[in-house]
């Protein structure tokens, strides 16, 4: 390798490492937790091993009941660590079968006195263990990787017979995601005229004035989502108009700045030449301006859509519920990773489509 490229690679290496360490690695770890099963296996290892021999029909044999009683007795004897592991397992299983959230700790409290035979375990512990669905939920949590958290965040769960069925809040979760995607798309479309006008001002201004306008456009981004939402709510009150205005304040500069860069790089000669030849303003815009700004439009719309989708699904207004932050705050990393996945997927698909459109001649 020649000295020049080698030195350039050395200069760029810290930036690449910083991006990998600060963005790619944490996001990858969060997305991994969306498919990793880490809650139940550490708490109930004997039970999950015993269920490997169960065919899913009826109830498992006595060995599974004995293993469950032994696991729960061991958790009780482990003190605070066992209680924490039991709580994580109960939360995970309760998200699949709600009755298990209370049944598992209740059974654990009686586990040391449970006689290890199937009929007695069912009667002494809790009738929920006489239902095949409870054991099926345990078996679904056994593999190291599953789609449970991803399905749950989308309002679906795997049924006892293997098919998919709605969770209790399934329609609401999917409707919320659809509203978020629609709101983000609406914010981008509504922001396009304002962003185009701002981009034209920046592209046609002198260097000093362009820098000033770009800086002013960035102010709303520097304020952050919480600052924009709070400021707009103060002026307009709570409601649909305030939410849309907050999204627009974030979308317009994200679209305008890449478009302004594309227009400034292309220069004003072609649009002026088209106008001098008699083309009407609308034709100049469609046949000359938009093709010149295609790449900037694609990049800006992709960025604005991703930002608006995150704002719509994870409201930033003070006191609003933040699903991802709330799940991460209480250690529910599977739920947090699944939420991040459903936020990322529409943004990535939209970015790929827009950037492919931007590369077309």
Protein backbone atom coordinates (compact mmCIF):
# COMPACT_ATOMS: atom_id res chain seq x y z
CA UNK A 1 0.00 0.00 0.00
CA UNK A 2 1.32 3.46 -0.86
CA UNK A 3 2.14 5.83 2.02
CA UNK A 4 -0.63 8.27 1.08
CA UNK A 5 -3.56 5.84 1.27
CA UNK A 6 -2.01 4.18 4.31
CA UNK A 7 -1.84 7.46 6.21
CA UNK A 8 -5.41 8.28 5.12
CA UNK A 9 -6.59 4.91 6.42
CA UNK A 10 -4.87 5.57 9.76
CA UNK A 11 -6.57 8.96 10.01
CA UNK A 12 -10.00 7.52 9.23
CA UNK A 13 -9.61 4.46 11.48
CA UNK A 14 -10.45 6.27 14.78
CA UNK A 15 -13.65 7.66 13.26
CA UNK A 16 -14.67 4.23 11.98
CA UNK A 17 -13.94 2.67 15.37
CA UNK A 18 -15.91 5.41 17.12
CA UNK A 19 -18.94 4.82 14.87
CA UNK A 20 -18.73 1.07 15.40
CA UNK A 21 -18.34 1.40 19.16
CA UNK A 22 -20.89 4.19 19.59
CA UNK A 23 -23.64 3.16 17.17
CA UNK A 24 -23.31 -0.18 15.42
CA UNK A 25 -22.28 -2.28 18.43
CA UNK A 26 -24.97 -0.98 20.85
CA UNK A 27 -27.69 -1.23 18.21
CA UNK A 28 -26.56 -4.72 17.25
CA UNK A 29 -26.59 -5.80 20.89
CA UNK A 30 -30.09 -4.37 21.35
CA UNK A 31 -31.40 -6.10 18.23
CA UNK A 32 -29.81 -9.37 19.35
CA UNK A 33 -31.77 -9.20 22.60
CA UNK A 34 -34.95 -9.00 20.50
CA UNK A 35 -34.46 -12.64 19.44
CA UNK A 36 -32.43 -14.04 22.36
CA UNK A 37 -34.17 -16.05 25.08
CA UNK A 38 -32.27 -15.15 28.27
CA UNK A 39 -34.96 -14.93 30.94
CA UNK A 40 -36.32 -18.45 31.52
CA UNK A 41 -33.41 -20.83 30.90
CA UNK A 42 -31.23 -19.56 33.80
CA UNK A 43 -34.17 -19.86 36.21
CA UNK A 44 -35.68 -23.20 35.14
CA UNK A 45 -32.91 -25.30 33.55
CA UNK A 46 -34.16 -28.70 34.77
CA UNK A 47 -37.70 -28.01 33.64
CA UNK A 48 -36.65 -27.00 30.13
CA UNK A 49 -34.45 -30.10 29.79
CA UNK A 50 -37.34 -32.31 30.88
CA UNK A 51 -39.69 -30.69 28.35
CA UNK A 52 -37.42 -31.66 25.45
CA UNK A 53 -38.98 -35.14 25.62
CA UNK A 54 -42.57 -33.82 25.64
CA UNK A 55 -44.44 -34.07 22.35
CA UNK A 56 -46.78 -31.18 23.20
CA UNK A 57 -49.87 -33.34 23.56
CA UNK A 58 -51.79 -33.39 26.81
CA UNK A 59 -49.60 -32.84 29.88
CA UNK A 60 -45.92 -33.74 30.27
CA UNK A 61 -44.90 -36.72 32.41
CA UNK A 62 -44.01 -36.72 36.08
CA UNK A 63 -40.38 -35.83 35.36
CA UNK A 64 -41.38 -32.35 34.17
CA UNK A 65 -43.42 -31.67 37.32
CA UNK A 66 -40.56 -32.93 39.48
CA UNK A 67 -38.09 -30.76 37.58
CA UNK A 68 -40.29 -27.67 37.96
CA UNK A 69 -40.63 -28.23 41.71
CA UNK A 70 -36.85 -28.69 42.01
CA UNK A 71 -36.09 -25.55 40.00
CA UNK A 72 -38.49 -23.41 42.00
CA UNK A 73 -37.20 -24.79 45.31
CA UNK A 74 -33.65 -23.95 44.21
CA UNK A 75 -34.70 -20.39 43.35
CA UNK A 76 -36.31 -20.00 46.76
CA UNK A 77 -33.11 -21.20 48.43
CA UNK A 78 -30.93 -18.83 46.36
CA UNK A 79 -32.18 -15.73 48.18
CA UNK A 80 -32.28 -12.33 46.40
CA UNK A 81 -30.53 -13.65 43.29
CA UNK A 82 -33.07 -16.43 42.96
CA UNK A 83 -35.94 -13.98 43.51
CA UNK A 84 -34.61 -11.73 40.74
CA UNK A 85 -34.24 -14.67 38.33
CA UNK A 86 -37.75 -15.85 39.23
CA UNK A 87 -39.15 -12.37 38.56
CA UNK A 88 -37.50 -12.20 35.13
CA UNK A 89 -38.82 -15.64 34.21
CA UNK A 90 -42.32 -14.79 35.44
CA UNK A 91 -42.37 -11.55 33.41
CA UNK A 92 -41.27 -13.37 30.26
CA UNK A 93 -43.72 -16.25 30.67
CA UNK A 94 -46.51 -13.91 31.76
CA UNK A 95 -46.11 -11.97 28.52
CA UNK A 96 -46.95 -15.22 26.72
CA UNK A 97 -49.56 -16.68 29.12
CA UNK A 98 -50.75 -13.97 31.57
CA UNK A 99 -51.77 -16.42 34.29
CA UNK A 100 -48.14 -17.53 34.67
CA UNK A 101 -47.03 -14.11 35.91
CA UNK A 102 -48.74 -14.78 39.25
CA UNK A 103 -48.72 -18.58 39.18
CA UNK A 104 -44.96 -19.01 38.96
CA UNK A 105 -44.07 -17.02 42.14
CA UNK A 106 -47.03 -18.59 43.94
CA UNK A 107 -45.89 -22.08 43.02
CA UNK A 108 -42.32 -21.19 44.03
CA UNK A 109 -43.50 -20.20 47.51
CA UNK A 110 -45.00 -23.68 47.95
CA UNK A 111 -42.29 -25.56 46.07
CA UNK A 112 -40.31 -26.85 49.08
CA UNK A 113 -43.45 -28.55 50.40
CA UNK A 114 -44.59 -29.91 47.03
CA UNK A 115 -44.55 -33.69 46.80
CA UNK A 116 -42.93 -34.60 43.49
CA UNK A 117 -45.69 -36.52 41.78
CA UNK A 118 -47.74 -35.15 38.95
CA UNK A 119 -51.22 -35.24 40.47
CA UNK A 120 -50.10 -33.83 43.82
CA UNK A 121 -48.05 -31.07 42.14
CA UNK A 122 -51.07 -29.95 40.14
CA UNK A 123 -53.32 -29.87 43.20
CA UNK A 124 -50.85 -28.44 45.73
CA UNK A 125 -49.15 -25.89 43.50
CA UNK A 126 -51.67 -24.29 41.19
CA UNK A 127 -54.34 -25.54 38.78
CA UNK A 128 -52.61 -23.58 36.00
CA UNK A 129 -50.08 -26.43 35.80
CA UNK A 130 -52.90 -28.71 34.78
CA UNK A 131 -53.24 -26.78 31.52
CA UNK A 132 -51.15 -27.78 28.51
CA UNK A 133 -50.84 -24.14 27.43
CA UNK A 134 -48.74 -23.33 30.51
CA UNK A 135 -46.24 -26.07 29.69
CA UNK A 136 -46.26 -25.09 26.02
CA UNK A 137 -45.23 -21.56 27.04
CA UNK A 138 -42.32 -23.00 29.02
CA UNK A 139 -41.22 -25.08 26.05
CA UNK A 140 -41.42 -22.08 23.70
CA UNK A 141 -38.97 -20.25 25.97
CA UNK A 142 -36.42 -23.09 25.85
CA UNK A 143 -34.52 -22.38 22.58
CA UNK A 144 -31.68 -19.85 22.81
CA UNK A 145 -33.23 -17.86 19.95
CA UNK A 146 -36.91 -17.27 19.19
CA UNK A 147 -39.23 -14.74 17.60
CA UNK A 148 -41.30 -14.29 20.75
CA UNK A 149 -40.34 -10.68 21.52
CA UNK A 150 -40.64 -9.62 17.88
CA UNK A 151 -44.09 -11.19 17.59
CA UNK A 152 -45.19 -9.79 20.95
CA UNK A 153 -44.19 -6.24 19.99
CA UNK A 154 -46.30 -6.69 16.84
CA UNK A 155 -49.27 -7.95 18.85
CA UNK A 156 -48.94 -11.64 17.95
CA UNK A 157 -48.05 -14.84 19.77
CA UNK A 158 -47.48 -18.45 18.84
CA UNK A 159 -50.43 -20.65 19.66
CA UNK A 160 -50.34 -24.06 21.27
CA UNK A 161 -50.72 -25.77 17.91
CA UNK A 162 -48.02 -23.69 16.25
CA UNK A 163 -50.07 -21.03 14.48
CA UNK A 164 -50.10 -17.30 15.19
CA UNK A 165 -52.83 -15.57 17.15
CA UNK A 166 -53.49 -12.10 18.52
CA UNK A 167 -52.32 -11.06 21.94
CA UNK A 168 -54.70 -9.13 24.17
CA UNK A 169 -53.46 -5.77 22.87
CA UNK A 170 -52.47 -7.01 19.42
CA UNK A 171 -54.83 -4.90 17.27
CA UNK A 172 -53.93 -1.80 19.29
CA UNK A 173 -50.17 -2.42 18.86
CA UNK A 174 -50.45 -2.89 15.09
CA UNK A 175 -52.75 0.12 14.74
CA UNK A 176 -50.22 2.21 16.65
CA UNK A 177 -47.44 1.10 14.31
CA UNK A 178 -49.60 1.84 11.25
CA UNK A 179 -50.45 5.30 12.62
CA UNK A 180 -46.78 5.94 13.26
CA UNK A 181 -45.79 5.03 9.70
CA UNK A 182 -48.66 7.09 8.29
CA UNK A 183 -47.83 10.07 10.49
CA UNK A 184 -44.16 9.93 9.50
CA UNK A 185 -45.02 9.75 5.79
CA UNK A 186 -47.48 12.64 6.19
CA UNK A 187 -44.84 14.74 7.95
CA UNK A 188 -42.37 14.15 5.12
CA UNK A 189 -44.92 14.99 2.40
CA UNK A 190 -46.16 18.07 4.24
CA UNK A 191 -42.61 19.26 4.82
CA UNK A 192 -41.49 18.94 1.20
CA UNK A 193 -42.79 22.36 -0.03
CA UNK A 194 -41.27 24.19 2.95
CA UNK A 195 -38.04 22.24 2.68
CA UNK A 196 -37.77 22.96 -1.06
CA UNK A 197 -38.27 26.69 -0.53
CA UNK A 198 -35.67 26.74 2.25
CA UNK A 199 -33.24 24.70 0.14
CA UNK A 200 -33.59 27.13 -2.78
CA UNK A 201 -32.84 30.07 -0.46
CA UNK A 202 -29.72 28.38 0.88
CA UNK A 203 -28.54 27.20 -2.55
CA UNK A 204 -28.91 30.61 -4.20
CA UNK A 205 -27.52 32.69 -1.31
CA UNK A 206 -23.96 33.86 -0.87
CA UNK A 207 -21.62 31.66 1.18
CA UNK A 208 -22.00 33.72 4.35
CA UNK A 209 -25.77 34.01 4.06
CA UNK A 210 -26.09 30.31 3.18
CA UNK A 211 -24.14 29.37 6.31
CA UNK A 212 -26.41 31.61 8.41
CA UNK A 213 -29.59 30.11 6.94
CA UNK A 214 -28.28 26.56 7.39
CA UNK A 215 -27.43 27.34 11.01
CA UNK A 216 -30.90 28.71 11.66
CA UNK A 217 -32.41 25.61 10.07
CA UNK A 218 -30.38 23.43 12.41
CA UNK A 219 -31.66 25.17 15.53
CA UNK A 220 -34.79 23.01 15.69
CA UNK A 221 -32.63 19.89 15.47
CA UNK A 222 -30.27 21.12 18.18
CA UNK A 223 -33.23 21.65 20.49
CA UNK A 224 -33.95 17.91 20.33
CA UNK A 225 -37.29 16.12 20.10
CA UNK A 226 -38.26 16.94 23.67
CA UNK A 227 -37.55 20.65 23.21
CA UNK A 228 -39.50 20.85 19.95
CA UNK A 229 -42.49 18.98 21.39
CA UNK A 230 -42.54 21.09 24.55
CA UNK A 231 -42.22 24.38 22.67
CA UNK A 232 -44.93 23.56 20.16
CA UNK A 233 -47.25 22.29 22.91
CA UNK A 234 -46.76 25.58 24.77
CA UNK A 235 -47.74 27.59 21.68
CA UNK A 236 -50.48 25.41 20.20
CA UNK A 237 -51.55 23.24 23.13
CA UNK A 238 -51.89 19.48 23.05
CA UNK A 239 -53.45 18.00 19.94
CA UNK A 240 -52.99 16.80 16.39
CA UNK A 241 -51.90 20.22 15.08
CA UNK A 242 -49.16 20.47 17.71
CA UNK A 243 -47.92 16.96 17.00
CA UNK A 244 -47.76 17.61 13.25
CA UNK A 245 -46.02 20.95 13.78
CA UNK A 246 -43.38 19.29 15.96
CA UNK A 247 -42.78 16.64 13.30
CA UNK A 248 -42.50 19.32 10.61
CA UNK A 249 -39.95 21.28 12.62
CA UNK A 250 -37.78 18.19 12.65
CA UNK A 251 -38.44 17.07 9.07
CA UNK A 252 -37.96 20.35 7.19
CA UNK A 253 -34.26 20.94 7.98
CA UNK A 254 -33.41 17.27 7.46
CA UNK A 255 -34.87 17.48 3.94
CA UNK A 256 -33.76 21.01 3.12
CA UNK A 257 -30.05 20.73 3.89
CA UNK A 258 -29.23 17.74 1.61
CA UNK A 259 -31.38 19.28 -1.14
CA UNK A 260 -29.59 22.62 -0.77
CA UNK A 261 -26.24 20.85 -1.03
CA UNK A 262 -27.31 19.10 -4.24
CA UNK A 263 -28.66 22.31 -5.78
CA UNK A 264 -25.61 24.33 -4.76
CA UNK A 265 -23.28 21.72 -6.23
CA UNK A 266 -25.23 21.65 -9.51
CA UNK A 267 -25.29 25.44 -9.77
CA UNK A 268 -28.03 27.74 -11.14
CA UNK A 269 -27.10 27.59 -14.82
CA UNK A 270 -29.45 24.82 -15.99
CA UNK A 271 -32.61 26.19 -14.32
CA UNK A 272 -31.84 29.69 -15.63
CA UNK A 273 -31.18 28.35 -19.10
CA UNK A 274 -34.48 26.44 -19.09
CA UNK A 275 -36.35 29.57 -17.95
CA UNK A 276 -34.58 31.67 -20.61
CA UNK A 277 -35.74 29.22 -23.29
CA UNK A 278 -39.36 29.80 -22.25
CA UNK A 279 -40.03 26.92 -19.87
CA UNK A 280 -42.66 27.72 -17.27
CA UNK A 281 -41.69 27.60 -13.56
CA UNK A 282 -43.55 24.36 -12.99
CA UNK A 283 -41.81 22.68 -15.92
CA UNK A 284 -38.43 23.97 -14.78
CA UNK A 285 -39.10 22.49 -11.36
CA UNK A 286 -40.22 19.08 -12.66
CA UNK A 287 -37.77 18.66 -15.54
CA UNK A 288 -34.67 20.43 -14.20
CA UNK A 289 -34.84 21.25 -10.47
CA UNK A 290 -36.06 17.92 -9.12
CA UNK A 291 -33.66 15.78 -11.21
CA UNK A 292 -30.75 17.95 -10.04
CA UNK A 293 -31.81 17.52 -6.40
CA UNK A 294 -32.81 13.85 -6.67
CA UNK A 295 -30.01 12.50 -4.50
CA UNK A 296 -30.47 15.18 -1.86
CA UNK A 297 -34.23 14.62 -1.83
CA UNK A 298 -33.79 10.88 -1.39
CA UNK A 299 -31.32 11.27 1.46
CA UNK A 300 -33.31 14.03 3.17
CA UNK A 301 -36.64 12.22 2.95
CA UNK A 302 -35.05 9.01 4.31
CA UNK A 303 -33.58 10.89 7.28
CA UNK A 304 -36.79 12.82 7.92
CA UNK A 305 -38.95 9.68 7.74
CA UNK A 306 -36.74 7.84 10.24
CA UNK A 307 -36.73 10.80 12.63
CA UNK A 308 -40.49 11.36 12.34
CA UNK A 309 -41.27 7.66 12.81
CA UNK A 310 -39.25 7.58 16.02
CA UNK A 311 -40.97 10.73 17.27
CA UNK A 312 -44.42 9.38 16.38
CA UNK A 313 -44.01 5.95 17.96
CA UNK A 314 -41.91 7.06 20.92
CA UNK A 315 -43.41 10.44 21.92
CA UNK A 316 -40.85 12.85 23.29
CA UNK A 317 -43.22 15.26 25.02
CA UNK A 318 -42.69 15.59 28.77
CA UNK A 319 -44.64 12.90 30.61
CA UNK A 320 -45.41 10.90 27.44
CA UNK A 321 -44.90 7.16 27.44
CA UNK A 322 -41.69 6.00 25.75
CA UNK A 323 -42.04 2.29 25.09
CA UNK A 324 -38.40 1.63 24.29
CA UNK A 325 -37.02 3.72 27.12
CA UNK A 326 -39.52 2.34 29.63
CA UNK A 327 -38.68 -1.26 28.72
CA UNK A 328 -34.94 -0.63 28.87
CA UNK A 329 -35.28 1.26 32.15
CA UNK A 330 -36.69 -1.80 33.94
CA UNK A 331 -34.33 -4.26 32.25
CA UNK A 332 -36.80 -5.70 29.75
CA UNK A 333 -34.20 -5.81 27.01
CA UNK A 334 -36.09 -8.26 24.83
CA UNK A 335 -39.07 -5.91 24.62
CA UNK A 336 -36.77 -2.92 24.07
CA UNK A 337 -34.91 -4.73 21.27
CA UNK A 338 -38.16 -5.73 19.57
CA UNK A 339 -39.42 -2.14 19.75
CA UNK A 340 -36.16 -0.94 18.21
CA UNK A 341 -36.51 -3.53 15.43
CA UNK A 342 -40.01 -2.40 14.46
CA UNK A 343 -38.80 1.20 14.47
CA UNK A 344 -35.77 0.37 12.37
CA UNK A 345 -37.41 -1.88 9.77
CA UNK A 346 -39.74 0.70 8.13
CA UNK A 347 -36.96 3.30 8.23
CA UNK A 348 -34.46 0.99 6.53
CA UNK A 349 -36.98 -0.08 3.87
CA UNK A 350 -37.94 3.53 3.16
CA UNK A 351 -34.28 4.54 3.00
CA UNK A 352 -33.43 1.75 0.55
CA UNK A 353 -36.34 2.66 -1.73
CA UNK A 354 -35.59 6.38 -1.62
CA UNK A 355 -31.86 5.98 -2.16
CA UNK A 356 -32.47 3.62 -5.06
CA UNK A 357 -34.75 6.25 -6.58
CA UNK A 358 -32.05 8.85 -5.93
CA UNK A 359 -29.45 6.83 -7.87
CA UNK A 360 -31.62 6.64 -10.99
CA UNK A 361 -30.49 8.93 -13.78
